Amino acid sequence: VVFAGCPLDLTEVSELADAVIYAWYPGEQ
């Protein structure tokens, strides 16, 4: 699960992970 407000270089993350969720900064809930 990636928390960020901007696009990141996810090339290696995608290779290593079975699933990738981009959560941004998702608020109090």
PDB file of all heavy atoms in Angstrom:
ATOM      1  N   VAL A   1       0.863  -1.177   0.000  1.00  0.00           N
ATOM      2  CA  VAL A   1       0.000   0.000   0.000  1.00  0.00           C
ATOM      3  C   VAL A   1       0.901   1.229   0.000  1.00  0.00           C
ATOM      4  O   VAL A   1       1.739   1.383   0.895  1.00  0.00           O
ATOM      5  CB  VAL A   1      -0.932   0.029   1.221  1.00  0.00           C
ATOM      6  CG1 VAL A   1      -1.788   1.296   1.213  1.00  0.00           C
ATOM      7  CG2 VAL A   1      -1.810  -1.216   1.254  1.00  0.00           C
ATOM      8  N   VAL A   2       0.750   2.067  -1.010  1.00  0.00           N
ATOM      9  CA  VAL A   2       1.589   3.260  -1.142  1.00  0.00           C
ATOM     10  C   VAL A   2       0.775   4.496  -0.790  1.00  0.00           C
ATOM     11  O   VAL A   2      -0.294   4.733  -1.347  1.00  0.00           O
ATOM     12  CB  VAL A   2       2.148   3.407  -2.568  1.00  0.00           C
ATOM     13  CG1 VAL A   2       3.063   4.641  -2.650  1.00  0.00           C
ATOM     14  CG2 VAL A   2       2.917   2.152  -2.973  1.00  0.00           C
ATOM     15  N   PHE A   3       1.298   5.275   0.165  1.00  0.00           N
ATOM     16  CA  PHE A   3       0.708   6.560   0.526  1.00  0.00           C
ATOM     17  C   PHE A   3       1.576   7.664  -0.055  1.00  0.00           C
ATOM     18  O   PHE A   3       2.779   7.726   0.216  1.00  0.00           O
ATOM     19  CB  PHE A   3       0.651   6.720   2.048  1.00  0.00           C
ATOM     20  CG  PHE A   3      -0.250   5.751   2.748  1.00  0.00           C
ATOM     21  CD1 PHE A   3       0.247   4.557   3.257  1.00  0.00           C
ATOM     22  CD2 PHE A   3      -1.596   6.026   2.921  1.00  0.00           C
ATOM     23  CE1 PHE A   3      -0.569   3.662   3.925  1.00  0.00           C
ATOM     24  CE2 PHE A   3      -2.434   5.125   3.579  1.00  0.00           C
ATOM     25  CZ  PHE A   3      -1.919   3.941   4.082  1.00  0.00           C
ATOM     26  N   ALA A   4       0.995   8.548  -0.830  1.00  0.00           N
ATOM     27  CA  ALA A   4       1.731   9.680  -1.406  1.00  0.00           C
ATOM     28  C   ALA A   4       0.734  10.576  -2.116  1.00  0.00           C
ATOM     29  O   ALA A   4      -0.393  10.172  -2.427  1.00  0.00           O
ATOM     30  CB  ALA A   4       2.817   9.214  -2.378  1.00  0.00           C
ATOM     31  N   GLY A   5       1.169  11.799  -2.397  1.00  0.00           N
ATOM     32  CA  GLY A   5       0.313  12.716  -3.119  1.00  0.00           C
ATOM     33  C   GLY A   5       0.740  12.928  -4.549  1.00  0.00           C
ATOM     34  O   GLY A   5       0.115  13.695  -5.282  1.00  0.00           O
ATOM     35  N   CYS A   6       1.806  12.247  -4.963  1.00  0.00           N
ATOM     36  CA  CYS A   6       2.354  12.432  -6.308  1.00  0.00           C
ATOM     37  C   CYS A   6       2.704  11.073  -6.894  1.00  0.00           C
ATOM     38  O   CYS A   6       2.846  10.092  -6.160  1.00  0.00           O
ATOM     39  CB  CYS A   6       3.604  13.307  -6.243  1.00  0.00           C
ATOM     40  SG  CYS A   6       4.960  12.546  -5.317  1.00  0.00           S
ATOM     41  N   PRO A   7       2.860  10.982  -8.211  1.00  0.00           N
ATOM     42  CA  PRO A   7       3.329   9.737  -8.810  1.00  0.00           C
ATOM     43  C   PRO A   7       4.764   9.435  -8.382  1.00  0.00           C
ATOM     44  O   PRO A   7       5.609  10.328  -8.302  1.00  0.00           O
ATOM     45  CB  PRO A   7       3.264  10.022 -10.314  1.00  0.00           C
ATOM     46  CG  PRO A   7       2.294  11.126 -10.459  1.00  0.00           C
ATOM     47  CD  PRO A   7       2.480  11.977  -9.239  1.00  0.00           C
ATOM     48  N   LEU A   8       5.022   8.169  -8.112  1.00  0.00           N
ATOM     49  CA  LEU A   8       6.354   7.705  -7.760  1.00  0.00           C
ATOM     50  C   LEU A   8       6.829   6.687  -8.787  1.00  0.00           C
ATOM     51  O   LEU A   8       6.020   6.089  -9.503  1.00  0.00           O
ATOM     52  CB  LEU A   8       6.348   7.068  -6.361  1.00  0.00           C
ATOM     53  CG  LEU A   8       6.022   8.001  -5.192  1.00  0.00           C
ATOM     54  CD1 LEU A   8       5.820   7.195  -3.920  1.00  0.00           C
ATOM     55  CD2 LEU A   8       7.121   9.032  -4.997  1.00  0.00           C
ATOM     56  N   ASP A   9       8.113   6.489  -8.839  1.00  0.00           N
ATOM     57  CA  ASP A   9       8.689   5.448  -9.675  1.00  0.00           C
ATOM     58  C   ASP A   9       8.378   4.104  -9.020  1.00  0.00           C
ATOM     59  O   ASP A   9       8.980   3.731  -8.014  1.00  0.00           O
ATOM     60  CB  ASP A   9      10.203   5.668  -9.790  1.00  0.00           C
ATOM     61  CG  ASP A   9      10.888   4.609 -10.641  1.00  0.00           C
ATOM     62  OD1 ASP A   9      10.259   3.580 -10.961  1.00  0.00           O
ATOM     63  OD2 ASP A   9      12.073   4.807 -10.976  1.00  0.00           O
ATOM     64  N   LEU A  10       7.434   3.377  -9.590  1.00  0.00           N
ATOM     65  CA  LEU A  10       6.968   2.118  -9.009  1.00  0.00           C
ATOM     66  C   LEU A  10       7.444   0.902  -9.797  1.00  0.00           C
ATOM     67  O   LEU A  10       6.908  -0.195  -9.616  1.00  0.00           O
ATOM     68  CB  LEU A  10       5.442   2.114  -8.933  1.00  0.00           C
ATOM     69  CG  LEU A  10       4.799   3.167  -8.033  1.00  0.00           C
ATOM     70  CD1 LEU A  10       3.282   3.031  -8.059  1.00  0.00           C
ATOM     71  CD2 LEU A  10       5.310   3.061  -6.599  1.00  0.00           C
ATOM     72  N   THR A  11       8.433   1.097 -10.639  1.00  0.00           N
ATOM     73  CA  THR A  11       8.881  -0.010 -11.482  1.00  0.00           C
ATOM     74  C   THR A  11       9.305  -1.207 -10.645  1.00  0.00           C
ATOM     75  O   THR A  11       8.818  -2.336 -10.857  1.00  0.00           O
ATOM     76  CB  THR A  11      10.055   0.451 -12.370  1.00  0.00           C
ATOM     77  OG1 THR A  11       9.672   1.618 -13.076  1.00  0.00           O
ATOM     78  CG2 THR A  11      10.429  -0.640 -13.357  1.00  0.00           C
ATOM     79  N   GLU A  12      10.174  -1.006  -9.682  1.00  0.00           N
ATOM     80  CA  GLU A  12      10.646  -2.126  -8.872  1.00  0.00           C
ATOM     81  C   GLU A  12       9.585  -2.585  -7.887  1.00  0.00           C
ATOM     82  O   GLU A  12       9.456  -3.797  -7.610  1.00  0.00           O
ATOM     83  CB  GLU A  12      11.926  -1.743  -8.125  1.00  0.00           C
ATOM     84  CG  GLU A  12      12.558  -2.937  -7.411  1.00  0.00           C
ATOM     85  CD  GLU A  12      13.858  -2.596  -6.708  1.00  0.00           C
ATOM     86  OE1 GLU A  12      14.233  -1.402  -6.672  1.00  0.00           O
ATOM     87  OE2 GLU A  12      14.495  -3.523  -6.163  1.00  0.00           O
ATOM     88  N   VAL A  13       8.803  -1.664  -7.355  1.00  0.00           N
ATOM     89  CA  VAL A  13       7.724  -2.045  -6.440  1.00  0.00           C
ATOM     90  C   VAL A  13       6.777  -3.014  -7.131  1.00  0.00           C
ATOM     91  O   VAL A  13       6.369  -4.039  -6.561  1.00  0.00           O
ATOM     92  CB  VAL A  13       6.964  -0.799  -5.951  1.00  0.00           C
ATOM     93  CG1 VAL A  13       5.720  -1.204  -5.158  1.00  0.00           C
ATOM     94  CG2 VAL A  13       7.862   0.083  -5.098  1.00  0.00           C
ATOM     95  N   SER A  14       6.421  -2.706  -8.369  1.00  0.00           N
ATOM     96  CA  SER A  14       5.514  -3.568  -9.112  1.00  0.00           C
ATOM     97  C   SER A  14       6.121  -4.938  -9.382  1.00  0.00           C
ATOM     98  O   SER A  14       5.405  -5.950  -9.407  1.00  0.00           O
ATOM     99  CB  SER A  14       5.127  -2.894 -10.427  1.00  0.00           C
ATOM    100  OG  SER A  14       4.190  -3.669 -11.130  1.00  0.00           O
ATOM    101  N   GLU A  15       7.433  -4.999  -9.565  1.00  0.00           N
ATOM    102  CA  GLU A  15       8.104  -6.285  -9.788  1.00  0.00           C
ATOM    103  C   GLU A  15       8.115  -7.140  -8.522  1.00  0.00           C
ATOM    104  O   GLU A  15       7.973  -8.361  -8.589  1.00  0.00           O
ATOM    105  CB  GLU A  15       9.537  -6.044 -10.252  1.00  0.00           C
ATOM    106  CG  GLU A  15       9.641  -5.418 -11.640  1.00  0.00           C
ATOM    107  CD  GLU A  15      11.065  -5.009 -11.974  1.00  0.00           C
ATOM    108  OE1 GLU A  15      11.932  -5.116 -11.073  1.00  0.00           O
ATOM    109  OE2 GLU A  15      11.312  -4.575 -13.118  1.00  0.00           O
ATOM    110  N   LEU A  16       8.249  -6.512  -7.370  1.00  0.00           N
ATOM    111  CA  LEU A  16       8.395  -7.253  -6.116  1.00  0.00           C
ATOM    112  C   LEU A  16       7.061  -7.631  -5.486  1.00  0.00           C
ATOM    113  O   LEU A  16       6.957  -8.663  -4.821  1.00  0.00           O
ATOM    114  CB  LEU A  16       9.206  -6.420  -5.123  1.00  0.00           C
ATOM    115  CG  LEU A  16      10.660  -6.137  -5.496  1.00  0.00           C
ATOM    116  CD1 LEU A  16      11.270  -5.130  -4.534  1.00  0.00           C
ATOM    117  CD2 LEU A  16      11.477  -7.430  -5.497  1.00  0.00           C
ATOM    118  N   ALA A  17       6.051  -6.795  -5.670  1.00  0.00           N
ATOM    119  CA  ALA A  17       4.782  -7.006  -4.981  1.00  0.00           C
ATOM    120  C   ALA A  17       3.819  -7.833  -5.815  1.00  0.00           C
ATOM    121  O   ALA A  17       3.841  -7.790  -7.049  1.00  0.00           O
ATOM    122  CB  ALA A  17       4.149  -5.657  -4.647  1.00  0.00           C
ATOM    123  N   ASP A  18       2.957  -8.580  -5.126  1.00  0.00           N
ATOM    124  CA  ASP A  18       1.886  -9.314  -5.803  1.00  0.00           C
ATOM    125  C   ASP A  18       0.683  -8.420  -6.072  1.00  0.00           C
ATOM    126  O   ASP A  18      -0.094  -8.681  -6.997  1.00  0.00           O
ATOM    127  CB  ASP A  18       1.449 -10.508  -4.955  1.00  0.00           C
ATOM    128  CG  ASP A  18       2.571 -11.505  -4.751  1.00  0.00           C
ATOM    129  OD1 ASP A  18       3.110 -11.992  -5.753  1.00  0.00           O
ATOM    130  OD2 ASP A  18       2.927 -11.769  -3.588  1.00  0.00           O
ATOM    131  N   ALA A  19       0.523  -7.401  -5.262  1.00  0.00           N
ATOM    132  CA  ALA A  19      -0.556  -6.435  -5.454  1.00  0.00           C
ATOM    133  C   ALA A  19      -0.052  -5.077  -4.994  1.00  0.00           C
ATOM    134  O   ALA A  19       0.698  -4.973  -4.018  1.00  0.00           O
ATOM    135  CB  ALA A  19      -1.806  -6.839  -4.675  1.00  0.00           C
ATOM    136  N   VAL A  20      -0.467  -4.033  -5.722  1.00  0.00           N
ATOM    137  CA  VAL A  20      -0.075  -2.667  -5.376  1.00  0.00           C
ATOM    138  C   VAL A  20      -1.323  -1.798  -5.324  1.00  0.00           C
ATOM    139  O   VAL A  20      -2.088  -1.732  -6.299  1.00  0.00           O
ATOM    140  CB  VAL A  20       0.925  -2.073  -6.390  1.00  0.00           C
ATOM    141  CG1 VAL A  20       1.299  -0.639  -5.989  1.00  0.00           C
ATOM    142  CG2 VAL A  20       2.165  -2.943  -6.508  1.00  0.00           C
ATOM    143  N   ILE A  21      -1.512  -1.160  -4.184  1.00  0.00           N
ATOM    144  CA  ILE A  21      -2.627  -0.229  -3.980  1.00  0.00           C
ATOM    145  C   ILE A  21      -2.054   1.163  -3.789  1.00  0.00           C
ATOM    146  O   ILE A  21      -1.164   1.367  -2.966  1.00  0.00           O
ATOM    147  CB  ILE A  21      -3.464  -0.623  -2.742  1.00  0.00           C
ATOM    148  CG1 ILE A  21      -4.227  -1.921  -3.008  1.00  0.00           C
ATOM    149  CG2 ILE A  21      -4.408   0.494  -2.336  1.00  0.00           C
ATOM    150  CD1 ILE A  21      -4.933  -2.473  -1.782  1.00  0.00           C
ATOM    151  N   TYR A  22      -2.575   2.128  -4.553  1.00  0.00           N
ATOM    152  CA  TYR A  22      -2.177   3.524  -4.355  1.00  0.00           C
ATOM    153  C   TYR A  22      -3.281   4.208  -3.576  1.00  0.00           C
ATOM    154  O   TYR A  22      -4.412   4.329  -4.042  1.00  0.00           O
ATOM    155  CB  TYR A  22      -1.935   4.227  -5.687  1.00  0.00           C
ATOM    156  CG  TYR A  22      -0.730   5.136  -5.655  1.00  0.00           C
ATOM    157  CD1 TYR A  22       0.553   4.602  -5.728  1.00  0.00           C
ATOM    158  CD2 TYR A  22      -0.851   6.513  -5.538  1.00  0.00           C
ATOM    159  CE1 TYR A  22       1.681   5.416  -5.700  1.00  0.00           C
ATOM    160  CE2 TYR A  22       0.262   7.334  -5.511  1.00  0.00           C
ATOM    161  CZ  TYR A  22       1.523   6.778  -5.590  1.00  0.00           C
ATOM    162  OH  TYR A  22       2.642   7.587  -5.554  1.00  0.00           O
ATOM    163  N   ALA A  23      -2.938   4.654  -2.372  1.00  0.00           N
ATOM    164  CA  ALA A  23      -3.956   5.161  -1.451  1.00  0.00           C
ATOM    165  C   ALA A  23      -3.989   6.675  -1.345  1.00  0.00           C
ATOM    166  O   ALA A  23      -4.872   7.219  -0.679  1.00  0.00           O
ATOM    167  CB  ALA A  23      -3.731   4.567  -0.061  1.00  0.00           C
ATOM    168  N   TRP A  24      -3.036   7.379  -1.956  1.00  0.00           N
ATOM    169  CA  TRP A  24      -2.912   8.836  -1.809  1.00  0.00           C
ATOM    170  C   TRP A  24      -2.780   9.183  -0.327  1.00  0.00           C
ATOM    171  O   TRP A  24      -2.178   8.463   0.448  1.00  0.00           O
ATOM    172  CB  TRP A  24      -4.093   9.555  -2.468  1.00  0.00           C
ATOM    173  CG  TRP A  24      -4.409   9.082  -3.847  1.00  0.00           C
ATOM    174  CD1 TRP A  24      -5.464   8.334  -4.242  1.00  0.00           C
ATOM    175  CD2 TRP A  24      -3.618   9.312  -5.053  1.00  0.00           C
ATOM    176  NE1 TRP A  24      -5.409   8.084  -5.604  1.00  0.00           N
ATOM    177  CE2 TRP A  24      -4.286   8.678  -6.123  1.00  0.00           C
ATOM    178  CE3 TRP A  24      -2.439  10.002  -5.327  1.00  0.00           C
ATOM    179  CZ2 TRP A  24      -3.816   8.703  -7.439  1.00  0.00           C
ATOM    180  CZ3 TRP A  24      -1.964  10.029  -6.639  1.00  0.00           C
ATOM    181  CH2 TRP A  24      -2.650   9.389  -7.671  1.00  0.00           C
ATOM    182  N   TYR A  25      -3.379  10.287   0.090  1.00  0.00           N
ATOM    183  CA  TYR A  25      -3.584  10.601   1.513  1.00  0.00           C
ATOM    184  C   TYR A  25      -5.093  10.510   1.724  1.00  0.00           C
ATOM    185  O   TYR A  25      -5.837  11.433   1.404  1.00  0.00           O
ATOM    186  CB  TYR A  25      -3.055  11.992   1.853  1.00  0.00           C
ATOM    187  CG  TYR A  25      -1.566  12.146   1.640  1.00  0.00           C
ATOM    188  CD1 TYR A  25      -1.046  13.101   0.769  1.00  0.00           C
ATOM    189  CD2 TYR A  25      -0.660  11.334   2.327  1.00  0.00           C
ATOM    190  CE1 TYR A  25       0.328  13.240   0.581  1.00  0.00           C
ATOM    191  CE2 TYR A  25       0.710  11.463   2.144  1.00  0.00           C
ATOM    192  CZ  TYR A  25       1.196  12.422   1.272  1.00  0.00           C
ATOM    193  OH  TYR A  25       2.555  12.551   1.088  1.00  0.00           O
ATOM    194  N   PRO A  26      -5.575   9.378   2.265  1.00  0.00           N
ATOM    195  CA  PRO A  26      -6.990   9.027   2.110  1.00  0.00           C
ATOM    196  C   PRO A  26      -7.951   9.570   3.155  1.00  0.00           C
ATOM    197  O   PRO A  26      -9.106   9.149   3.190  1.00  0.00           O
ATOM    198  CB  PRO A  26      -6.946   7.501   2.167  1.00  0.00           C
ATOM    199  CG  PRO A  26      -5.802   7.207   3.082  1.00  0.00           C
ATOM    200  CD  PRO A  26      -4.783   8.277   2.820  1.00  0.00           C
ATOM    201  N   GLY A  27      -7.520  10.491   4.022  1.00  0.00           N
ATOM    202  CA  GLY A  27      -8.443  11.060   4.984  1.00  0.00           C
ATOM    203  C   GLY A  27      -8.561  10.233   6.242  1.00  0.00           C
ATOM    204  O   GLY A  27      -7.942   9.180   6.407  1.00  0.00           O
ATOM    205  N   GLU A  28      -9.393  10.720   7.141  1.00  0.00           N
ATOM    206  CA  GLU A  28      -9.449  10.144   8.487  1.00  0.00           C
ATOM    207  C   GLU A  28      -9.924   8.700   8.518  1.00  0.00           C
ATOM    208  O   GLU A  28      -9.574   7.947   9.430  1.00  0.00           O
ATOM    209  CB  GLU A  28     -10.343  10.985   9.386  1.00  0.00           C
ATOM    210  CG  GLU A  28     -11.807  11.002   8.981  1.00  0.00           C
ATOM    211  CD  GLU A  28     -12.653  11.803   9.947  1.00  0.00           C
ATOM    212  OE1 GLU A  28     -12.383  13.009  10.128  1.00  0.00           O
ATOM    213  OE2 GLU A  28     -13.582  11.213  10.534  1.00  0.00           O
ATOM    214  N   GLN A  29     -10.700   8.293   7.537  1.00  0.00           N
ATOM    215  CA  GLN A  29     -11.192   6.914   7.482  1.00  0.00           C
ATOM    216  C   GLN A  29     -10.371   6.061   6.516  1.00  0.00           C
ATOM    217  O   GLN A  29     -10.804   4.976   6.117  1.00  0.00           O
ATOM    218  CB  GLN A  29     -12.657   6.910   7.057  1.00  0.00           C
ATOM    219  CG  GLN A  29     -13.614   7.362   8.138  1.00  0.00           C
ATOM    220  CD  GLN A  29     -13.674   6.375   9.283  1.00  0.00           C
ATOM    221  OE1 GLN A  29     -13.939   5.186   9.087  1.00  0.00           O
ATOM    222  NE2 GLN A  29     -13.429   6.847  10.491  1.00  0.00           N
TER     223      GLN A  29
END
